[in-house]
PDB file of all heavy atoms in Angstrom:
ATOM      1  N   SER A   1      -8.751  10.714 -21.334  1.00  0.00           N
ATOM      2  CA  SER A   1      -9.792  10.115 -22.192  1.00  0.00           C
ATOM      3  C   SER A   1     -10.990   9.640 -21.354  1.00  0.00           C
ATOM      4  O   SER A   1     -12.211   9.917 -21.634  1.00  0.00           O
ATOM      5  CB  SER A   1      -9.246   9.206 -23.243  1.00  0.00           C
ATOM      6  OG  SER A   1      -8.352   9.650 -24.072  1.00  0.00           O
ATOM      7  N   ILE A   2     -10.681   8.777 -20.413  1.00  0.00           N
ATOM      8  CA  ILE A   2     -11.773   8.274 -19.483  1.00  0.00           C
ATOM      9  C   ILE A   2     -12.555   9.387 -18.663  1.00  0.00           C
ATOM     10  O   ILE A   2     -13.775   9.439 -18.662  1.00  0.00           O
ATOM     11  CB  ILE A   2     -11.230   7.148 -18.565  1.00  0.00           C
ATOM     12  CG1 ILE A   2     -10.769   5.907 -19.345  1.00  0.00           C
ATOM     13  CG2 ILE A   2     -12.289   6.784 -17.496  1.00  0.00           C
ATOM     14  CD1 ILE A   2      -9.962   4.899 -18.543  1.00  0.00           C
ATOM     15  N   ASP A   3     -11.742  10.291 -18.192  1.00  0.00           N
ATOM     16  CA  ASP A   3     -12.289  11.481 -17.577  1.00  0.00           C
ATOM     17  C   ASP A   3     -13.325  12.221 -18.402  1.00  0.00           C
ATOM     18  O   ASP A   3     -14.487  12.657 -17.982  1.00  0.00           O
ATOM     19  CB  ASP A   3     -11.269  12.344 -16.960  1.00  0.00           C
ATOM     20  CG  ASP A   3     -10.477  11.745 -15.744  1.00  0.00           C
ATOM     21  OD1 ASP A   3     -10.980  10.692 -15.153  1.00  0.00           O
ATOM     22  OD2 ASP A   3      -9.429  12.338 -15.263  1.00  0.00           O
ATOM     23  N   ALA A   4     -12.830  12.460 -19.531  1.00  0.00           N
ATOM     24  CA  ALA A   4     -13.728  13.294 -20.474  1.00  0.00           C
ATOM     25  C   ALA A   4     -14.892  12.603 -20.889  1.00  0.00           C
ATOM     26  O   ALA A   4     -15.962  13.231 -20.832  1.00  0.00           O
ATOM     27  CB  ALA A   4     -12.877  13.670 -21.762  1.00  0.00           C
ATOM     28  N   LYS A   5     -14.645  11.138 -21.110  1.00  0.00           N
ATOM     29  CA  LYS A   5     -15.957  10.455 -21.476  1.00  0.00           C
ATOM     30  C   LYS A   5     -17.013  10.318 -20.381  1.00  0.00           C
ATOM     31  O   LYS A   5     -18.157  10.505 -20.587  1.00  0.00           O
ATOM     32  CB  LYS A   5     -15.614   9.029 -22.005  1.00  0.00           C
ATOM     33  CG  LYS A   5     -16.770   8.173 -22.527  1.00  0.00           C
ATOM     34  CD  LYS A   5     -17.462   8.837 -23.518  1.00  0.00           C
ATOM     35  CE  LYS A   5     -18.638   7.983 -23.888  1.00  0.00           C
ATOM     36  NZ  LYS A   5     -19.620   8.684 -24.853  1.00  0.00           N
ATOM     37  N   LEU A   6     -16.426  10.012 -19.156  1.00  0.00           N
ATOM     38  CA  LEU A   6     -17.320   9.834 -18.072  1.00  0.00           C
ATOM     39  C   LEU A   6     -17.957  11.090 -17.671  1.00  0.00           C
ATOM     40  O   LEU A   6     -19.083  11.164 -17.219  1.00  0.00           O
ATOM     41  CB  LEU A   6     -16.553   9.247 -16.790  1.00  0.00           C
ATOM     42  CG  LEU A   6     -16.064   7.860 -17.031  1.00  0.00           C
ATOM     43  CD1 LEU A   6     -15.470   7.196 -15.666  1.00  0.00           C
ATOM     44  CD2 LEU A   6     -17.267   6.861 -17.332  1.00  0.00           C
ATOM     45  N   ALA A   7     -17.355  12.374 -17.878  1.00  0.00           N
ATOM     46  CA  ALA A   7     -17.961  13.550 -17.569  1.00  0.00           C
ATOM     47  C   ALA A   7     -19.224  13.863 -18.504  1.00  0.00           C
ATOM     48  O   ALA A   7     -20.272  14.308 -18.097  1.00  0.00           O
ATOM     49  CB  ALA A   7     -16.874  14.654 -17.787  1.00  0.00           C
ATOM     50  N   THR A   8     -19.094  13.367 -19.755  1.00  0.00           N
ATOM     51  CA  THR A   8     -20.277  13.440 -20.653  1.00  0.00           C
ATOM     52  C   THR A   8     -21.369  12.647 -20.233  1.00  0.00           C
ATOM     53  O   THR A   8     -22.559  12.860 -20.774  1.00  0.00           O
ATOM     54  CB  THR A   8     -19.885  13.163 -22.072  1.00  0.00           C
ATOM     55  OG1 THR A   8     -19.466  11.729 -22.238  1.00  0.00           O
ATOM     56  CG2 THR A   8     -18.677  14.046 -22.585  1.00  0.00           C
ATOM     57  N   MET A   9     -21.112  11.613 -19.431  1.00  0.00           N
ATOM     58  CA  MET A   9     -22.160  10.614 -19.036  1.00  0.00           C
ATOM     59  C   MET A   9     -22.639  10.971 -17.624  1.00  0.00           C
ATOM     60  O   MET A   9     -23.463  10.254 -16.975  1.00  0.00           O
ATOM     61  CB  MET A   9     -21.456   9.223 -18.975  1.00  0.00           C
ATOM     62  CG  MET A   9     -21.048   8.722 -20.276  1.00  0.00           C
ATOM     63  SD  MET A   9     -20.064   7.259 -20.313  1.00  0.00           S
ATOM     64  CE  MET A   9     -21.339   6.138 -19.943  1.00  0.00           C
ATOM     65  N   GLY A  10     -22.176  12.136 -17.073  1.00  0.00           N
ATOM     66  CA  GLY A  10     -22.768  12.646 -15.849  1.00  0.00           C
ATOM     67  C   GLY A  10     -22.013  12.263 -14.575  1.00  0.00           C
ATOM     68  O   GLY A  10     -22.445  12.358 -13.495  1.00  0.00           O
ATOM     69  N   LEU A  11     -20.854  11.443 -14.737  1.00  0.00           N
ATOM     70  CA  LEU A  11     -20.088  10.988 -13.664  1.00  0.00           C
ATOM     71  C   LEU A  11     -19.043  12.021 -13.298  1.00  0.00           C
ATOM     72  O   LEU A  11     -18.368  12.661 -14.272  1.00  0.00           O
ATOM     73  CB  LEU A  11     -19.509   9.571 -13.920  1.00  0.00           C
ATOM     74  CG  LEU A  11     -20.515   8.526 -14.214  1.00  0.00           C
ATOM     75  CD1 LEU A  11     -19.787   7.239 -14.859  1.00  0.00           C
ATOM     76  CD2 LEU A  11     -21.238   8.128 -12.930  1.00  0.00           C
ATOM     77  N   THR A  12     -18.572  12.120 -12.032  1.00  0.00           N
ATOM     78  CA  THR A  12     -17.624  13.070 -11.702  1.00  0.00           C
ATOM     79  C   THR A  12     -16.547  12.325 -10.863  1.00  0.00           C
ATOM     80  O   THR A  12     -16.766  11.469 -10.139  1.00  0.00           O
ATOM     81  CB  THR A  12     -18.093  14.207 -10.812  1.00  0.00           C
ATOM     82  OG1 THR A  12     -18.873  13.759  -9.733  1.00  0.00           O
ATOM     83  CG2 THR A  12     -19.010  15.131 -11.650  1.00  0.00           C
ATOM     84  N   ARG A  13     -15.330  12.870 -10.923  1.00  0.00           N
ATOM     85  CA  ARG A  13     -14.175  12.386 -10.187  1.00  0.00           C
ATOM     86  C   ARG A  13     -14.225  12.875  -8.762  1.00  0.00           C
ATOM     87  O   ARG A  13     -14.470  14.137  -8.591  1.00  0.00           O
ATOM     88  CB  ARG A  13     -12.898  12.705 -10.829  1.00  0.00           C
ATOM     89  CG  ARG A  13     -11.696  11.799 -10.459  1.00  0.00           C
ATOM     90  CD  ARG A  13     -10.517  11.971 -11.358  1.00  0.00           C
ATOM     91  NE  ARG A  13      -9.391  11.406 -10.842  1.00  0.00           N
ATOM     92  CZ  ARG A  13      -8.174  11.254 -11.329  1.00  0.00           C
ATOM     93  NH1 ARG A  13      -7.985  11.915 -12.640  1.00  0.00           N
ATOM     94  NH2 ARG A  13      -7.218  10.773 -10.715  1.00  0.00           N
ATOM     95  N   SER A  14     -13.964  12.137  -7.782  1.00  0.00           N
ATOM     96  CA  SER A  14     -14.162  12.568  -6.393  1.00  0.00           C
ATOM     97  C   SER A  14     -12.960  11.910  -5.398  1.00  0.00           C
ATOM     98  O   SER A  14     -12.596  10.696  -5.733  1.00  0.00           O
ATOM     99  CB  SER A  14     -15.473  12.111  -5.976  1.00  0.00           C
ATOM    100  OG  SER A  14     -15.659  12.346  -4.497  1.00  0.00           O
ATOM    101  N   ASP A  15     -12.783  12.489  -4.409  1.00  0.00           N
ATOM    102  CA  ASP A  15     -11.858  11.902  -3.332  1.00  0.00           C
ATOM    103  C   ASP A  15     -12.592  10.955  -2.540  1.00  0.00           C
ATOM    104  O   ASP A  15     -11.840  10.089  -1.803  1.00  0.00           O
ATOM    105  CB  ASP A  15     -11.235  13.060  -2.464  1.00  0.00           C
ATOM    106  CG  ASP A  15     -10.327  13.980  -3.223  1.00  0.00           C
ATOM    107  OD1 ASP A  15      -9.783  13.559  -4.256  1.00  0.00           O
ATOM    108  OD2 ASP A  15     -10.154  15.099  -2.898  1.00  0.00           O
ATOM    109  N   ASP A  16     -13.911  10.933  -2.468  1.00  0.00           N
ATOM    110  CA  ASP A  16     -14.586   9.948  -1.735  1.00  0.00           C
ATOM    111  C   ASP A  16     -15.612   9.421  -2.735  1.00  0.00           C
ATOM    112  O   ASP A  16     -16.746   9.598  -2.769  1.00  0.00           O
ATOM    113  CB  ASP A  16     -15.424  10.691  -0.638  1.00  0.00           C
ATOM    114  CG  ASP A  16     -16.239   9.560   0.250  1.00  0.00           C
ATOM    115  OD1 ASP A  16     -15.818   8.461   0.312  1.00  0.00           O
ATOM    116  OD2 ASP A  16     -17.194   9.986   0.764  1.00  0.00           O
ATOM    117  N   PRO A  17     -15.121   8.428  -3.619  1.00  0.00           N
ATOM    118  CA  PRO A  17     -15.905   7.985  -4.807  1.00  0.00           C
ATOM    119  C   PRO A  17     -16.805   6.905  -4.363  1.00  0.00           C
ATOM    120  O   PRO A  17     -16.694   6.124  -3.445  1.00  0.00           O
ATOM    121  CB  PRO A  17     -14.815   7.589  -5.846  1.00  0.00           C
ATOM    122  CG  PRO A  17     -13.772   7.023  -4.905  1.00  0.00           C
ATOM    123  CD  PRO A  17     -13.835   7.999  -3.659  1.00  0.00           C
ATOM    124  N   ASP A  18     -17.873   6.597  -5.350  1.00  0.00           N
ATOM    125  CA  ASP A  18     -18.705   5.527  -5.171  1.00  0.00           C
ATOM    126  C   ASP A  18     -18.096   4.218  -5.774  1.00  0.00           C
ATOM    127  O   ASP A  18     -18.327   3.232  -5.249  1.00  0.00           O
ATOM    128  CB  ASP A  18     -20.004   5.813  -6.141  1.00  0.00           C
ATOM    129  CG  ASP A  18     -20.869   7.035  -5.607  1.00  0.00           C
ATOM    130  OD1 ASP A  18     -20.845   7.182  -4.370  1.00  0.00           O
ATOM    131  OD2 ASP A  18     -21.461   7.629  -6.413  1.00  0.00           O
ATOM    132  N   PHE A  19     -17.156   4.410  -6.651  1.00  0.00           N
ATOM    133  CA  PHE A  19     -16.391   3.300  -7.236  1.00  0.00           C
ATOM    134  C   PHE A  19     -15.057   3.743  -7.675  1.00  0.00           C
ATOM    135  O   PHE A  19     -14.730   4.892  -7.882  1.00  0.00           O
ATOM    136  CB  PHE A  19     -17.161   2.542  -8.218  1.00  0.00           C
ATOM    137  CG  PHE A  19     -17.207   3.310  -9.584  1.00  0.00           C
ATOM    138  CD1 PHE A  19     -16.338   3.240 -10.736  1.00  0.00           C
ATOM    139  CD2 PHE A  19     -18.297   4.193  -9.762  1.00  0.00           C
ATOM    140  CE1 PHE A  19     -16.520   3.830 -11.822  1.00  0.00           C
ATOM    141  CE2 PHE A  19     -18.506   4.872 -11.031  1.00  0.00           C
ATOM    142  CZ  PHE A  19     -17.546   4.788 -12.079  1.00  0.00           C
ATOM    143  N   TYR A  20     -14.087   2.704  -7.806  1.00  0.00           N
ATOM    144  CA  TYR A  20     -12.770   2.953  -8.231  1.00  0.00           C
ATOM    145  C   TYR A  20     -12.550   2.217  -9.598  1.00  0.00           C
ATOM    146  O   TYR A  20     -13.234   1.306  -9.974  1.00  0.00           O
ATOM    147  CB  TYR A  20     -11.711   2.345  -7.292  1.00  0.00           C
ATOM    148  CG  TYR A  20     -11.673   3.155  -5.977  1.00  0.00           C
ATOM    149  CD1 TYR A  20     -12.389   2.994  -4.993  1.00  0.00           C
ATOM    150  CD2 TYR A  20     -10.671   4.128  -5.956  1.00  0.00           C
ATOM    151  CE1 TYR A  20     -12.353   3.779  -3.801  1.00  0.00           C
ATOM    152  CE2 TYR A  20     -10.452   4.878  -4.880  1.00  0.00           C
ATOM    153  CZ  TYR A  20     -11.282   4.775  -3.755  1.00  0.00           C
ATOM    154  OH  TYR A  20     -11.189   5.577  -2.579  1.00  0.00           O
ATOM    155  N   ILE A  21     -11.719   2.807 -10.443  1.00  0.00           N
ATOM    156  CA  ILE A  21     -11.328   2.280 -11.709  1.00  0.00           C
ATOM    157  C   ILE A  21      -9.894   1.783 -11.660  1.00  0.00           C
ATOM    158  O   ILE A  21      -9.023   2.476 -11.047  1.00  0.00           O
ATOM    159  CB  ILE A  21     -11.479   3.407 -12.771  1.00  0.00           C
ATOM    160  CG1 ILE A  21     -12.810   3.935 -12.918  1.00  0.00           C
ATOM    161  CG2 ILE A  21     -10.978   2.921 -14.247  1.00  0.00           C
ATOM    162  CD1 ILE A  21     -13.137   5.115 -13.801  1.00  0.00           C
ATOM    163  N   ASP A  22      -9.793   0.598 -12.203  1.00  0.00           N
ATOM    164  CA  ASP A  22      -8.405   0.052 -12.334  1.00  0.00           C
ATOM    165  C   ASP A  22      -8.179  -0.194 -13.933  1.00  0.00           C
ATOM    166  O   ASP A  22      -9.104  -0.704 -14.553  1.00  0.00           O
ATOM    167  CB  ASP A  22      -8.444  -1.243 -11.656  1.00  0.00           C
ATOM    168  CG  ASP A  22      -6.911  -1.825 -11.443  1.00  0.00           C
ATOM    169  OD1 ASP A  22      -5.943  -1.115 -11.614  1.00  0.00           O
ATOM    170  OD2 ASP A  22      -6.666  -2.943 -11.186  1.00  0.00           O
ATOM    171  N   ILE A  23      -6.951   0.114 -14.234  1.00  0.00           N
ATOM    172  CA  ILE A  23      -6.652  -0.116 -15.713  1.00  0.00           C
ATOM    173  C   ILE A  23      -5.401  -1.021 -15.789  1.00  0.00           C
ATOM    174  O   ILE A  23      -4.532  -0.839 -15.054  1.00  0.00           O
ATOM    175  CB  ILE A  23      -6.345   1.166 -16.414  1.00  0.00           C
ATOM    176  CG1 ILE A  23      -7.325   2.178 -16.296  1.00  0.00           C
ATOM    177  CG2 ILE A  23      -5.980   1.040 -17.888  1.00  0.00           C
ATOM    178  CD1 ILE A  23      -7.066   3.689 -16.564  1.00  0.00           C
ATOM    179  N   LEU A  24      -5.374  -1.961 -16.628  1.00  0.00           N
ATOM    180  CA  LEU A  24      -4.339  -2.989 -16.767  1.00  0.00           C
ATOM    181  C   LEU A  24      -4.234  -3.076 -18.313  1.00  0.00           C
ATOM    182  O   LEU A  24      -5.138  -3.401 -19.005  1.00  0.00           O
ATOM    183  CB  LEU A  24      -4.535  -4.186 -16.146  1.00  0.00           C
ATOM    184  CG  LEU A  24      -3.451  -5.359 -16.292  1.00  0.00           C
ATOM    185  CD1 LEU A  24      -2.198  -4.859 -15.618  1.00  0.00           C
ATOM    186  CD2 LEU A  24      -3.931  -6.482 -15.706  1.00  0.00           C
ATOM    187  N   SER A  25      -2.905  -3.014 -18.694  1.00  0.00           N
ATOM    188  CA  SER A  25      -2.583  -3.236 -20.169  1.00  0.00           C
ATOM    189  C   SER A  25      -1.519  -4.146 -20.383  1.00  0.00           C
ATOM    190  O   SER A  25      -0.496  -4.079 -19.536  1.00  0.00           O
ATOM    191  CB  SER A  25      -2.328  -1.770 -20.731  1.00  0.00           C
ATOM    192  OG  SER A  25      -1.905  -2.004 -22.090  1.00  0.00           O
ATOM    193  N   GLN A  26      -1.433  -4.908 -21.394  1.00  0.00           N
ATOM    194  CA  GLN A  26      -0.420  -5.761 -21.761  1.00  0.00           C
ATOM    195  C   GLN A  26      -0.261  -5.973 -23.358  1.00  0.00           C
ATOM    196  O   GLN A  26      -1.214  -5.810 -23.938  1.00  0.00           O
ATOM    197  CB  GLN A  26      -0.411  -7.143 -21.058  1.00  0.00           C
ATOM    198  CG  GLN A  26      -1.549  -7.919 -21.537  1.00  0.00           C
ATOM    199  CD  GLN A  26      -1.595  -9.227 -20.702  1.00  0.00           C
ATOM    200  OE1 GLN A  26      -0.526  -9.652 -20.002  1.00  0.00           O
ATOM    201  NE2 GLN A  26      -2.644  -9.948 -20.725  1.00  0.00           N
ATOM    202  N   ASP A  27       0.952  -6.131 -23.818  1.00  0.00           N
ATOM    203  CA  ASP A  27       1.177  -6.490 -25.229  1.00  0.00           C
ATOM    204  C   ASP A  27       0.882  -8.017 -25.332  1.00  0.00           C
ATOM    205  O   ASP A  27       1.303  -8.741 -24.618  1.00  0.00           O
ATOM    206  CB  ASP A  27       2.538  -6.256 -25.618  1.00  0.00           C
ATOM    207  CG  ASP A  27       2.806  -4.717 -25.817  1.00  0.00           C
ATOM    208  OD1 ASP A  27       1.826  -4.099 -26.186  1.00  0.00           O
ATOM    209  OD2 ASP A  27       3.935  -4.277 -25.567  1.00  0.00           O
TER     210      ASP A  27
END
């Protein structure tokens, strides 16, 4: 879902990225 949304915003996934994403979830 994140990949699809960021692609519509002009961002691409890369092995040498400008930034990293961290996801944390809890009940």
